[in-house]
Amino acid sequence: MRVVVVDYGSGNLHSALKALERAGRDAGLNLDVGLAATGEEVAAADRILLPGVGAFAACEEGLRARPGVVEALEEAVLQRGRPFLGVCVGMQLLAEKGLEFGEHPGLNWLGGEVRRLTPSDPALKIPHMGWNALRILRPHPLFAGLAPETQAYFVHSYHLVPARAEDVAAQADYGGAVTAAVARDNLAGLQFHPEKSQAAGLRILTNFLNWRP
């Protein structure tokens, strides 16, 4: 099974690769894990992870600057149904638009918009950084085997608010509800970093590798 992490100049690529390799090894899966920086490499993938670190606009521009990559992603994920996981800004790019430093278009796979966090408690700092409990809103194969209130590691100032509330699969509480995970059909996204979330993150990645949407 060919699993790729999309390489479009965003950070954290090798941490994501190593985490996927370990998750596959622990699960006894025969994986071919690598980076995909071209449309041809994305098209050849059986599963796709889209990372993202930094500002929404910079990630969106970086992704579109790779010739053929967005088109290959749309064909592989939206038309052929390849399992897809977006992480951090990689999840946020599923929105119609991001509102960080102006208004910028996203991939618009889930609709909605990426909004700045507005915690009700002024003592809570932005960015939201550190461990937070996940409140899973509905069963999903990605969450199989996770205990209630599982902790995950977050680093972000914005979060995705999908057009459809039912696309929110998990939330965290940071002075109000924060979108922690989204899911629809063969699409899923995590605002937190599974590669930094220790055993829980590895379990989620293993679940992604075994997921049959």
N, C-alpha and C. Protein backbone atom coordinates (compact mmCIF):
# COMPACT_ATOMS: atom_id res chain seq x y z
N MET A 1 0.85 -1.19 0.00
CA MET A 1 0.00 0.00 0.00
C MET A 1 0.89 1.25 0.00
N ARG A 2 0.67 2.11 -0.97
CA ARG A 2 1.44 3.34 -1.10
C ARG A 2 0.76 4.45 -0.32
N VAL A 3 1.45 4.99 0.68
CA VAL A 3 0.93 6.07 1.52
C VAL A 3 1.86 7.27 1.33
N VAL A 4 1.28 8.44 1.00
CA VAL A 4 2.12 9.60 0.76
C VAL A 4 1.76 10.75 1.68
N VAL A 5 2.78 11.52 2.01
CA VAL A 5 2.63 12.82 2.67
C VAL A 5 2.91 13.86 1.60
N VAL A 6 1.96 14.75 1.35
CA VAL A 6 2.11 15.73 0.28
C VAL A 6 3.15 16.77 0.69
N ASP A 7 4.16 16.91 -0.16
CA ASP A 7 5.27 17.83 0.08
C ASP A 7 5.07 19.07 -0.79
N TYR A 8 4.68 20.18 -0.13
CA TYR A 8 4.51 21.43 -0.87
C TYR A 8 5.22 22.58 -0.16
N GLY A 9 6.27 22.21 0.61
CA GLY A 9 7.08 23.22 1.26
C GLY A 9 6.68 23.53 2.68
N SER A 10 5.60 22.88 3.17
CA SER A 10 5.19 23.09 4.56
C SER A 10 6.08 22.24 5.47
N GLY A 11 6.18 22.65 6.72
CA GLY A 11 7.05 21.94 7.66
C GLY A 11 6.46 20.65 8.19
N ASN A 12 7.23 19.98 9.02
CA ASN A 12 6.79 18.80 9.76
C ASN A 12 6.62 17.55 8.90
N LEU A 13 7.16 17.56 7.69
CA LEU A 13 6.98 16.43 6.79
C LEU A 13 7.59 15.16 7.35
N HIS A 14 8.81 15.25 7.83
CA HIS A 14 9.52 14.04 8.22
C HIS A 14 8.97 13.47 9.52
N SER A 15 8.47 14.33 10.40
CA SER A 15 7.81 13.82 11.61
C SER A 15 6.57 13.03 11.24
N ALA A 16 5.81 13.54 10.28
CA ALA A 16 4.61 12.82 9.82
C ALA A 16 4.99 11.51 9.16
N LEU A 17 6.04 11.52 8.34
CA LEU A 17 6.49 10.29 7.69
C LEU A 17 6.89 9.24 8.72
N LYS A 18 7.70 9.64 9.69
CA LYS A 18 8.18 8.70 10.70
C LYS A 18 7.02 8.13 11.51
N ALA A 19 6.05 8.98 11.83
CA ALA A 19 4.90 8.52 12.60
C ALA A 19 4.08 7.51 11.80
N LEU A 20 3.87 7.77 10.51
CA LEU A 20 3.15 6.82 9.66
C LEU A 20 3.90 5.49 9.55
N GLU A 21 5.21 5.57 9.38
CA GLU A 21 6.01 4.36 9.28
C GLU A 21 5.90 3.53 10.56
N ARG A 22 5.97 4.20 11.71
CA ARG A 22 5.88 3.47 12.97
C ARG A 22 4.49 2.88 13.17
N ALA A 23 3.46 3.66 12.83
CA ALA A 23 2.09 3.16 12.97
C ALA A 23 1.88 1.92 12.11
N GLY A 24 2.39 1.95 10.89
CA GLY A 24 2.26 0.80 10.01
C GLY A 24 3.04 -0.39 10.52
N ARG A 25 4.24 -0.13 11.02
CA ARG A 25 5.08 -1.22 11.55
C ARG A 25 4.43 -1.87 12.77
N ASP A 26 3.91 -1.03 13.68
CA ASP A 26 3.27 -1.56 14.88
C ASP A 26 2.03 -2.39 14.55
N ALA A 27 1.36 -2.02 13.44
CA ALA A 27 0.15 -2.74 13.04
C ALA A 27 0.45 -3.93 12.13
N GLY A 28 1.72 -4.13 11.80
CA GLY A 28 2.10 -5.24 10.94
C GLY A 28 1.67 -5.06 9.49
N LEU A 29 1.58 -3.81 9.05
CA LEU A 29 1.14 -3.53 7.69
C LEU A 29 2.34 -3.41 6.75
N ASN A 30 2.15 -3.83 5.52
CA ASN A 30 3.19 -3.72 4.50
C ASN A 30 2.98 -2.41 3.76
N LEU A 31 3.74 -1.38 4.15
CA LEU A 31 3.54 -0.05 3.61
C LEU A 31 4.73 0.42 2.79
N ASP A 32 4.44 1.25 1.81
CA ASP A 32 5.44 2.02 1.09
C ASP A 32 5.10 3.49 1.38
N VAL A 33 5.84 4.11 2.31
CA VAL A 33 5.54 5.46 2.77
C VAL A 33 6.56 6.43 2.19
N GLY A 34 6.09 7.54 1.64
CA GLY A 34 7.03 8.51 1.07
C GLY A 34 6.38 9.86 0.87
N LEU A 35 7.17 10.79 0.35
CA LEU A 35 6.69 12.13 0.04
C LEU A 35 6.15 12.17 -1.39
N ALA A 36 5.19 13.06 -1.63
CA ALA A 36 4.65 13.27 -2.97
C ALA A 36 4.67 14.76 -3.26
N ALA A 37 5.48 15.16 -4.24
CA ALA A 37 5.62 16.56 -4.57
C ALA A 37 5.12 16.88 -5.97
N THR A 38 4.65 15.86 -6.70
CA THR A 38 4.15 16.07 -8.06
C THR A 38 2.76 15.45 -8.19
N GLY A 39 2.05 15.88 -9.23
CA GLY A 39 0.75 15.31 -9.49
C GLY A 39 0.82 13.81 -9.73
N GLU A 40 1.86 13.35 -10.42
CA GLU A 40 2.00 11.93 -10.70
C GLU A 40 2.19 11.13 -9.42
N GLU A 41 2.96 11.67 -8.48
CA GLU A 41 3.19 10.96 -7.21
C GLU A 41 1.93 10.91 -6.36
N VAL A 42 1.15 11.99 -6.38
CA VAL A 42 -0.12 11.99 -5.65
C VAL A 42 -1.08 10.99 -6.28
N ALA A 43 -1.13 10.96 -7.60
CA ALA A 43 -2.06 10.07 -8.31
C ALA A 43 -1.78 8.60 -8.03
N ALA A 44 -0.53 8.26 -7.72
CA ALA A 44 -0.16 6.87 -7.49
C ALA A 44 -0.43 6.41 -6.07
N ALA A 45 -0.91 7.30 -5.22
CA ALA A 45 -1.08 6.97 -3.80
C ALA A 45 -2.37 6.21 -3.53
N ASP A 46 -2.31 5.31 -2.55
CA ASP A 46 -3.49 4.62 -2.05
C ASP A 46 -4.12 5.38 -0.88
N ARG A 47 -3.29 6.11 -0.15
CA ARG A 47 -3.75 6.95 0.96
C ARG A 47 -2.92 8.22 0.98
N ILE A 48 -3.55 9.32 1.40
CA ILE A 48 -2.90 10.62 1.29
C ILE A 48 -3.03 11.37 2.60
N LEU A 49 -1.90 11.89 3.08
CA LEU A 49 -1.89 12.78 4.25
C LEU A 49 -1.41 14.15 3.79
N LEU A 50 -2.19 15.18 4.09
CA LEU A 50 -1.84 16.56 3.74
C LEU A 50 -1.50 17.30 5.02
N PRO A 51 -0.21 17.62 5.24
CA PRO A 51 0.17 18.36 6.44
C PRO A 51 0.00 19.86 6.21
N GLY A 52 0.38 20.63 7.21
CA GLY A 52 0.33 22.08 7.08
C GLY A 52 0.76 22.75 8.36
N VAL A 53 1.72 23.63 8.25
CA VAL A 53 2.21 24.37 9.41
C VAL A 53 2.38 25.83 9.00
N GLY A 54 1.87 26.74 9.82
CA GLY A 54 2.03 28.16 9.53
C GLY A 54 0.72 28.81 9.14
N ALA A 55 0.80 29.85 8.31
CA ALA A 55 -0.37 30.63 7.94
C ALA A 55 -1.15 29.95 6.82
N PHE A 56 -2.47 30.08 6.86
CA PHE A 56 -3.37 29.49 5.87
C PHE A 56 -2.99 29.91 4.46
N ALA A 57 -2.83 31.20 4.23
CA ALA A 57 -2.56 31.71 2.88
C ALA A 57 -1.25 31.16 2.32
N ALA A 58 -0.22 31.10 3.16
CA ALA A 58 1.07 30.60 2.70
C ALA A 58 0.98 29.13 2.32
N CYS A 59 0.24 28.34 3.09
CA CYS A 59 0.07 26.92 2.77
C CYS A 59 -0.74 26.76 1.48
N GLU A 60 -1.80 27.53 1.35
CA GLU A 60 -2.63 27.43 0.16
C GLU A 60 -1.84 27.81 -1.09
N GLU A 61 -1.06 28.87 -0.99
CA GLU A 61 -0.25 29.29 -2.14
C GLU A 61 0.83 28.27 -2.47
N GLY A 62 1.43 27.71 -1.43
CA GLY A 62 2.46 26.70 -1.64
C GLY A 62 1.91 25.45 -2.32
N LEU A 63 0.71 25.05 -1.91
CA LEU A 63 0.09 23.87 -2.51
C LEU A 63 -0.23 24.11 -3.98
N ARG A 64 -0.81 25.26 -4.28
CA ARG A 64 -1.18 25.55 -5.66
C ARG A 64 0.04 25.82 -6.54
N ALA A 65 1.18 26.13 -5.93
CA ALA A 65 2.39 26.38 -6.72
C ALA A 65 3.01 25.08 -7.24
N ARG A 66 2.57 23.93 -6.73
CA ARG A 66 3.09 22.65 -7.22
C ARG A 66 2.26 22.23 -8.44
N PRO A 67 2.84 22.23 -9.62
CA PRO A 67 2.06 21.95 -10.83
C PRO A 67 1.35 20.60 -10.76
N GLY A 68 0.05 20.65 -10.97
CA GLY A 68 -0.73 19.42 -11.06
C GLY A 68 -1.11 18.77 -9.76
N VAL A 69 -0.63 19.28 -8.63
CA VAL A 69 -0.87 18.59 -7.36
C VAL A 69 -2.33 18.75 -6.91
N VAL A 70 -2.87 19.95 -6.96
CA VAL A 70 -4.26 20.14 -6.54
C VAL A 70 -5.20 19.33 -7.44
N GLU A 71 -4.94 19.33 -8.74
CA GLU A 71 -5.78 18.56 -9.66
C GLU A 71 -5.68 17.07 -9.36
N ALA A 72 -4.48 16.60 -9.05
CA ALA A 72 -4.30 15.18 -8.73
C ALA A 72 -4.97 14.82 -7.41
N LEU A 73 -4.91 15.73 -6.45
CA LEU A 73 -5.60 15.50 -5.18
C LEU A 73 -7.11 15.40 -5.39
N GLU A 74 -7.66 16.31 -6.18
CA GLU A 74 -9.11 16.30 -6.41
C GLU A 74 -9.54 15.02 -7.13
N GLU A 75 -8.72 14.59 -8.08
CA GLU A 75 -9.07 13.37 -8.82
C GLU A 75 -8.96 12.14 -7.92
N ALA A 76 -7.87 12.06 -7.13
CA ALA A 76 -7.65 10.89 -6.28
C ALA A 76 -8.65 10.81 -5.13
N VAL A 77 -8.90 11.95 -4.50
CA VAL A 77 -9.71 11.96 -3.28
C VAL A 77 -11.20 12.09 -3.58
N LEU A 78 -11.56 13.08 -4.40
CA LEU A 78 -12.97 13.36 -4.63
C LEU A 78 -13.59 12.42 -5.66
N GLN A 79 -12.81 11.98 -6.63
CA GLN A 79 -13.37 11.14 -7.68
C GLN A 79 -13.11 9.64 -7.45
N ARG A 80 -11.89 9.30 -7.02
CA ARG A 80 -11.57 7.88 -6.84
C ARG A 80 -11.74 7.42 -5.40
N GLY A 81 -12.01 8.35 -4.49
CA GLY A 81 -12.32 7.96 -3.11
C GLY A 81 -11.14 7.49 -2.29
N ARG A 82 -9.94 7.93 -2.59
CA ARG A 82 -8.80 7.54 -1.79
C ARG A 82 -8.93 8.12 -0.37
N PRO A 83 -8.64 7.34 0.66
CA PRO A 83 -8.69 7.87 2.03
C PRO A 83 -7.73 9.04 2.19
N PHE A 84 -8.22 10.12 2.79
CA PHE A 84 -7.47 11.37 2.91
C PHE A 84 -7.50 11.84 4.35
N LEU A 85 -6.35 12.30 4.83
CA LEU A 85 -6.25 12.87 6.18
C LEU A 85 -5.50 14.19 6.10
N GLY A 86 -6.16 15.29 6.48
CA GLY A 86 -5.51 16.59 6.59
C GLY A 86 -5.12 16.84 8.05
N VAL A 87 -3.96 17.41 8.26
CA VAL A 87 -3.46 17.65 9.62
C VAL A 87 -3.13 19.13 9.79
N CYS A 88 -3.66 19.74 10.84
CA CYS A 88 -3.45 21.14 11.20
C CYS A 88 -3.91 22.03 10.04
N VAL A 89 -3.03 22.81 9.43
CA VAL A 89 -3.47 23.65 8.31
C VAL A 89 -3.90 22.78 7.13
N GLY A 90 -3.37 21.57 7.04
CA GLY A 90 -3.83 20.64 6.01
C GLY A 90 -5.31 20.33 6.15
N MET A 91 -5.83 20.32 7.37
CA MET A 91 -7.27 20.18 7.58
C MET A 91 -7.97 21.48 7.25
N GLN A 92 -7.42 22.60 7.66
CA GLN A 92 -8.06 23.89 7.43
C GLN A 92 -8.25 24.18 5.95
N LEU A 93 -7.36 23.67 5.11
CA LEU A 93 -7.45 23.91 3.67
C LEU A 93 -8.69 23.27 3.05
N LEU A 94 -9.38 22.40 3.79
CA LEU A 94 -10.62 21.81 3.28
C LEU A 94 -11.75 22.82 3.24
N ALA A 95 -11.57 23.96 3.88
CA ALA A 95 -12.61 24.99 3.94
C ALA A 95 -12.73 25.74 2.61
N GLU A 96 -13.84 26.46 2.49
CA GLU A 96 -14.01 27.34 1.32
C GLU A 96 -13.04 28.50 1.39
N LYS A 97 -12.81 29.02 2.60
CA LYS A 97 -11.91 30.17 2.73
C LYS A 97 -11.33 30.23 4.14
N GLY A 98 -10.19 30.90 4.23
CA GLY A 98 -9.55 31.17 5.51
C GLY A 98 -9.53 32.66 5.77
N LEU A 99 -9.71 33.03 7.03
CA LEU A 99 -9.80 34.44 7.40
C LEU A 99 -8.58 34.90 8.20
N GLU A 100 -7.44 34.32 7.91
CA GLU A 100 -6.19 34.69 8.58
C GLU A 100 -5.43 35.69 7.70
N PHE A 101 -5.21 36.91 8.23
CA PHE A 101 -4.55 37.97 7.47
C PHE A 101 -5.28 38.23 6.15
N GLY A 102 -6.58 38.47 6.25
CA GLY A 102 -7.41 38.69 5.07
C GLY A 102 -8.24 37.46 4.75
N GLU A 103 -8.83 37.46 3.58
CA GLU A 103 -9.66 36.34 3.15
C GLU A 103 -8.98 35.62 1.99
N HIS A 104 -8.82 34.29 2.14
CA HIS A 104 -8.07 33.52 1.15
C HIS A 104 -8.84 32.25 0.81
N PRO A 105 -8.87 31.84 -0.46
CA PRO A 105 -9.61 30.65 -0.84
C PRO A 105 -8.93 29.37 -0.37
N GLY A 106 -9.74 28.39 -0.01
CA GLY A 106 -9.24 27.07 0.30
C GLY A 106 -9.62 26.09 -0.80
N LEU A 107 -9.49 24.80 -0.52
CA LEU A 107 -9.87 23.78 -1.49
C LEU A 107 -11.38 23.65 -1.64
N ASN A 108 -12.12 24.03 -0.60
CA ASN A 108 -13.58 24.00 -0.61
C ASN A 108 -14.12 22.57 -0.78
N TRP A 109 -13.49 21.61 -0.10
CA TRP A 109 -13.99 20.24 -0.12
C TRP A 109 -15.09 20.03 0.92
N LEU A 110 -15.02 20.76 2.01
CA LEU A 110 -16.05 20.66 3.05
C LEU A 110 -16.85 21.94 3.19
N GLY A 111 -16.41 23.03 2.57
CA GLY A 111 -17.08 24.31 2.76
C GLY A 111 -16.74 24.90 4.12
N GLY A 112 -17.42 25.99 4.46
CA GLY A 112 -17.15 26.65 5.73
C GLY A 112 -15.94 27.56 5.65
N GLU A 113 -15.49 28.00 6.83
CA GLU A 113 -14.38 28.93 6.86
C GLU A 113 -13.49 28.68 8.07
N VAL A 114 -12.27 29.18 7.97
CA VAL A 114 -11.29 29.03 9.05
C VAL A 114 -11.25 30.34 9.82
N ARG A 115 -11.66 30.28 11.08
CA ARG A 115 -11.80 31.47 11.91
C ARG A 115 -10.80 31.49 13.05
N ARG A 116 -10.47 32.68 13.51
CA ARG A 116 -9.58 32.83 14.65
C ARG A 116 -10.27 32.32 15.91
N LEU A 117 -9.50 31.68 16.76
CA LEU A 117 -10.02 31.26 18.05
C LEU A 117 -10.40 32.48 18.89
N THR A 118 -11.52 32.38 19.57
CA THR A 118 -11.99 33.48 20.43
C THR A 118 -12.42 32.91 21.77
N PRO A 119 -11.46 32.50 22.60
CA PRO A 119 -11.83 31.92 23.90
C PRO A 119 -12.57 32.92 24.78
N SER A 120 -13.56 32.42 25.51
CA SER A 120 -14.36 33.29 26.38
C SER A 120 -13.57 33.78 27.59
N ASP A 121 -12.54 33.03 27.96
CA ASP A 121 -11.71 33.41 29.10
C ASP A 121 -10.50 34.20 28.58
N PRO A 122 -10.37 35.49 28.93
CA PRO A 122 -9.26 36.29 28.41
C PRO A 122 -7.89 35.81 28.90
N ALA A 123 -7.88 34.97 29.92
CA ALA A 123 -6.61 34.44 30.40
C ALA A 123 -6.05 33.35 29.49
N LEU A 124 -6.87 32.81 28.62
CA LEU A 124 -6.42 31.77 27.70
C LEU A 124 -5.68 32.42 26.52
N LYS A 125 -4.46 32.01 26.32
CA LYS A 125 -3.61 32.64 25.32
C LYS A 125 -3.83 32.05 23.93
N ILE A 126 -3.57 32.89 22.94
CA ILE A 126 -3.52 32.48 21.54
C ILE A 126 -2.07 32.61 21.08
N PRO A 127 -1.48 31.57 20.49
CA PRO A 127 -2.12 30.34 20.03
C PRO A 127 -2.48 29.37 21.16
N HIS A 128 -3.46 28.54 20.87
CA HIS A 128 -3.80 27.40 21.72
C HIS A 128 -2.68 26.38 21.55
N MET A 129 -1.92 26.16 22.61
CA MET A 129 -0.73 25.32 22.49
C MET A 129 -0.66 24.36 23.68
N GLY A 130 -0.60 23.07 23.38
CA GLY A 130 -0.45 22.08 24.43
C GLY A 130 -1.50 20.99 24.34
N TRP A 131 -1.60 20.22 25.42
CA TRP A 131 -2.49 19.07 25.46
C TRP A 131 -3.91 19.49 25.80
N ASN A 132 -4.87 18.85 25.14
CA ASN A 132 -6.28 19.13 25.40
C ASN A 132 -7.08 17.85 25.16
N ALA A 133 -8.16 17.68 25.92
CA ALA A 133 -9.00 16.49 25.79
C ALA A 133 -9.86 16.57 24.54
N LEU A 134 -10.03 15.44 23.89
CA LEU A 134 -10.91 15.34 22.73
C LEU A 134 -12.30 14.92 23.18
N ARG A 135 -13.30 15.63 22.70
CA ARG A 135 -14.69 15.22 22.91
C ARG A 135 -15.20 14.70 21.57
N ILE A 136 -15.27 13.38 21.47
CA ILE A 136 -15.69 12.74 20.22
C ILE A 136 -17.20 12.84 20.11
N LEU A 137 -17.68 13.45 19.04
CA LEU A 137 -19.11 13.73 18.89
C LEU A 137 -19.87 12.58 18.26
N ARG A 138 -19.19 11.75 17.50
CA ARG A 138 -19.86 10.61 16.87
C ARG A 138 -18.81 9.55 16.55
N PRO A 139 -19.24 8.29 16.51
CA PRO A 139 -18.27 7.23 16.22
C PRO A 139 -17.67 7.41 14.83
N HIS A 140 -16.39 7.11 14.74
CA HIS A 140 -15.70 7.12 13.45
C HIS A 140 -14.54 6.15 13.54
N PRO A 141 -14.23 5.44 12.45
CA PRO A 141 -13.12 4.48 12.49
C PRO A 141 -11.79 5.08 12.95
N LEU A 142 -11.54 6.37 12.71
CA LEU A 142 -10.29 6.98 13.15
C LEU A 142 -10.15 6.97 14.67
N PHE A 143 -11.26 6.96 15.38
CA PHE A 143 -11.23 7.06 16.84
C PHE A 143 -11.35 5.69 17.52
N ALA A 144 -11.34 4.62 16.75
CA ALA A 144 -11.49 3.29 17.34
C ALA A 144 -10.40 3.03 18.38
N GLY A 145 -10.81 2.56 19.54
CA GLY A 145 -9.86 2.22 20.59
C GLY A 145 -9.41 3.37 21.47
N LEU A 146 -9.88 4.58 21.21
CA LEU A 146 -9.50 5.72 22.03
C LEU A 146 -10.38 5.79 23.28
N ALA A 147 -9.78 6.09 24.39
CA ALA A 147 -10.54 6.26 25.63
C ALA A 147 -11.28 7.59 25.62
N PRO A 148 -12.38 7.71 26.37
CA PRO A 148 -13.05 9.01 26.50
C PRO A 148 -12.08 10.06 27.03
N GLU A 149 -12.19 11.26 26.51
CA GLU A 149 -11.35 12.38 26.94
C GLU A 149 -9.86 12.14 26.65
N THR A 150 -9.59 11.40 25.59
CA THR A 150 -8.20 11.21 25.16
C THR A 150 -7.54 12.56 24.93
N GLN A 151 -6.30 12.69 25.34
CA GLN A 151 -5.57 13.95 25.18
C GLN A 151 -4.80 13.96 23.86
N ALA A 152 -4.81 15.12 23.20
CA ALA A 152 -4.06 15.30 21.96
C ALA A 152 -3.33 16.64 22.02
N TYR A 153 -2.31 16.79 21.18
CA TYR A 153 -1.45 17.97 21.24
C TYR A 153 -1.81 18.96 20.13
N PHE A 154 -2.14 20.17 20.54
CA PHE A 154 -2.58 21.24 19.63
C PHE A 154 -1.55 22.38 19.58
N VAL A 155 -1.41 22.99 18.41
CA VAL A 155 -0.68 24.25 18.24
C VAL A 155 -1.38 25.01 17.12
N HIS A 156 -2.23 25.99 17.47
CA HIS A 156 -2.95 26.72 16.43
C HIS A 156 -3.63 27.96 17.00
N SER A 157 -3.92 28.89 16.10
CA SER A 157 -4.65 30.12 16.44
C SER A 157 -5.99 30.20 15.73
N TYR A 158 -6.20 29.34 14.74
CA TYR A 158 -7.42 29.33 13.94
C TYR A 158 -7.97 27.91 13.89
N HIS A 159 -9.27 27.79 13.61
CA HIS A 159 -9.84 26.46 13.45
C HIS A 159 -10.91 26.47 12.36
N LEU A 160 -11.14 25.30 11.80
CA LEU A 160 -12.11 25.14 10.72
C LEU A 160 -13.52 25.04 11.29
N VAL A 161 -14.42 25.87 10.78
CA VAL A 161 -15.85 25.77 11.11
C VAL A 161 -16.54 25.35 9.81
N PRO A 162 -16.84 24.04 9.65
CA PRO A 162 -17.41 23.56 8.39
C PRO A 162 -18.80 24.14 8.13
N ALA A 163 -19.20 24.12 6.87
CA ALA A 163 -20.53 24.60 6.50
C ALA A 163 -21.61 23.72 7.11
N ARG A 164 -21.31 22.42 7.27
CA ARG A 164 -22.27 21.49 7.85
C ARG A 164 -21.78 21.08 9.24
N ALA A 165 -22.59 21.32 10.25
CA ALA A 165 -22.19 20.99 11.62
C ALA A 165 -21.90 19.51 11.78
N GLU A 166 -22.59 18.67 11.01
CA GLU A 166 -22.40 17.22 11.14
C GLU A 166 -21.04 16.75 10.65
N ASP A 167 -20.30 17.62 9.96
CA ASP A 167 -18.94 17.26 9.54
C ASP A 167 -17.93 17.37 10.67
N VAL A 168 -18.30 18.01 11.78
CA VAL A 168 -17.42 18.07 12.94
C VAL A 168 -17.49 16.74 13.67
N ALA A 169 -16.37 16.04 13.75
CA ALA A 169 -16.34 14.72 14.38
C ALA A 169 -15.87 14.75 15.82
N ALA A 170 -15.08 15.76 16.16
CA ALA A 170 -14.59 15.89 17.54
C ALA A 170 -14.29 17.36 17.83
N GLN A 171 -14.42 17.71 19.10
CA GLN A 171 -14.13 19.07 19.54
C GLN A 171 -13.18 19.04 20.73
N ALA A 172 -12.58 20.18 20.98
CA ALA A 172 -11.84 20.42 22.22
C ALA A 172 -12.45 21.67 22.85
N ASP A 173 -12.22 21.83 24.13
CA ASP A 173 -12.73 23.00 24.85
C ASP A 173 -11.56 23.93 25.15
N TYR A 174 -11.62 25.12 24.58
CA TYR A 174 -10.60 26.14 24.88
C TYR A 174 -11.32 27.47 25.00
N GLY A 175 -12.00 27.64 26.12
CA GLY A 175 -12.84 28.80 26.30
C GLY A 175 -14.01 28.80 25.33
N GLY A 176 -14.51 27.61 25.01
CA GLY A 176 -15.54 27.40 24.02
C GLY A 176 -15.17 26.25 23.12
N ALA A 177 -16.12 25.80 22.32
CA ALA A 177 -15.89 24.64 21.46
C ALA A 177 -14.94 24.99 20.31
N VAL A 178 -13.95 24.14 20.12
CA VAL A 178 -12.96 24.27 19.05
C VAL A 178 -13.03 23.01 18.20
N THR A 179 -13.07 23.15 16.89
CA THR A 179 -13.08 21.98 16.01
C THR A 179 -11.75 21.25 16.11
N ALA A 180 -11.82 19.99 16.57
CA ALA A 180 -10.61 19.18 16.71
C ALA A 180 -10.45 18.18 15.58
N ALA A 181 -11.59 17.74 14.99
CA ALA A 181 -11.53 16.78 13.89
C ALA A 181 -12.79 16.92 13.05
N VAL A 182 -12.62 16.70 11.75
CA VAL A 182 -13.75 16.69 10.82
C VAL A 182 -13.72 15.38 10.04
N ALA A 183 -14.88 14.98 9.54
CA ALA A 183 -14.94 13.75 8.74
C ALA A 183 -16.20 13.76 7.89
N ARG A 184 -16.02 13.32 6.65
CA ARG A 184 -17.15 13.10 5.73
C ARG A 184 -16.67 12.13 4.65
N ASP A 185 -17.39 11.05 4.47
CA ASP A 185 -17.05 10.06 3.44
C ASP A 185 -15.60 9.61 3.61
N ASN A 186 -14.76 9.78 2.58
CA ASN A 186 -13.36 9.36 2.66
C ASN A 186 -12.43 10.49 3.10
N LEU A 187 -13.01 11.62 3.53
CA LEU A 187 -12.23 12.77 4.00
C LEU A 187 -12.20 12.79 5.52
N ALA A 188 -11.04 13.10 6.08
CA ALA A 188 -10.94 13.35 7.52
C ALA A 188 -9.86 14.39 7.74
N GLY A 189 -9.97 15.09 8.84
CA GLY A 189 -8.98 16.11 9.18
C GLY A 189 -8.83 16.22 10.68
N LEU A 190 -7.61 16.52 11.11
CA LEU A 190 -7.29 16.68 12.52
C LEU A 190 -6.66 18.05 12.73
N GLN A 191 -7.19 18.83 13.67
CA GLN A 191 -6.55 20.10 13.99
C GLN A 191 -5.29 19.87 14.83
N PHE A 192 -5.31 18.86 15.66
CA PHE A 192 -4.15 18.52 16.49
C PHE A 192 -3.13 17.74 15.67
N HIS A 193 -1.96 17.54 16.26
CA HIS A 193 -0.87 16.85 15.58
C HIS A 193 -0.77 15.41 16.08
N PRO A 194 -1.16 14.43 15.27
CA PRO A 194 -1.05 13.04 15.74
C PRO A 194 0.40 12.63 15.98
N GLU A 195 1.32 13.18 15.18
CA GLU A 195 2.73 12.81 15.34
C GLU A 195 3.33 13.33 16.64
N LYS A 196 2.64 14.26 17.31
CA LYS A 196 3.10 14.78 18.60
C LYS A 196 2.21 14.31 19.75
N SER A 197 1.21 13.47 19.44
CA SER A 197 0.23 13.08 20.45
C SER A 197 0.48 11.69 21.01
N GLN A 198 1.71 11.23 20.92
CA GLN A 198 2.16 10.00 21.56
C GLN A 198 1.29 8.80 21.18
N ALA A 199 0.92 7.97 22.15
CA ALA A 199 0.22 6.71 21.85
C ALA A 199 -1.12 6.96 21.16
N ALA A 200 -1.84 8.01 21.59
CA ALA A 200 -3.14 8.30 20.98
C ALA A 200 -2.97 8.68 19.51
N GLY A 201 -1.96 9.48 19.22
CA GLY A 201 -1.72 9.87 17.83
C GLY A 201 -1.35 8.70 16.95
N LEU A 202 -0.52 7.80 17.48
CA LEU A 202 -0.15 6.62 16.71
C LEU A 202 -1.35 5.73 16.46
N ARG A 203 -2.23 5.64 17.46
CA ARG A 203 -3.45 4.83 17.27
C ARG A 203 -4.33 5.42 16.17
N ILE A 204 -4.46 6.73 16.14
CA ILE A 204 -5.27 7.37 15.10
C ILE A 204 -4.65 7.14 13.72
N LEU A 205 -3.33 7.24 13.63
CA LEU A 205 -2.68 7.00 12.34
C LEU A 205 -2.83 5.53 11.91
N THR A 206 -2.72 4.61 12.85
CA THR A 206 -2.96 3.20 12.53
C THR A 206 -4.38 3.00 12.04
N ASN A 207 -5.32 3.64 12.72
CA ASN A 207 -6.72 3.56 12.29
C ASN A 207 -6.89 4.12 10.87
N PHE A 208 -6.18 5.21 10.57
CA PHE A 208 -6.24 5.78 9.22
C PHE A 208 -5.72 4.78 8.20
N LEU A 209 -4.63 4.11 8.52
CA LEU A 209 -4.05 3.15 7.58
C LEU A 209 -4.96 1.94 7.36
N ASN A 210 -5.79 1.61 8.36
CA ASN A 210 -6.71 0.48 8.24
C ASN A 210 -8.11 0.88 7.78
N TRP A 211 -8.33 2.18 7.63
CA TRP A 211 -9.67 2.71 7.33
C TRP A 211 -10.10 2.29 5.92
N ARG A 212 -11.34 1.81 5.83
CA ARG A 212 -11.91 1.42 4.52
C ARG A 212 -13.21 2.19 4.31
N PRO A 213 -13.12 3.46 3.94
CA PRO A 213 -14.35 4.27 3.79
C PRO A 213 -15.18 3.81 2.57
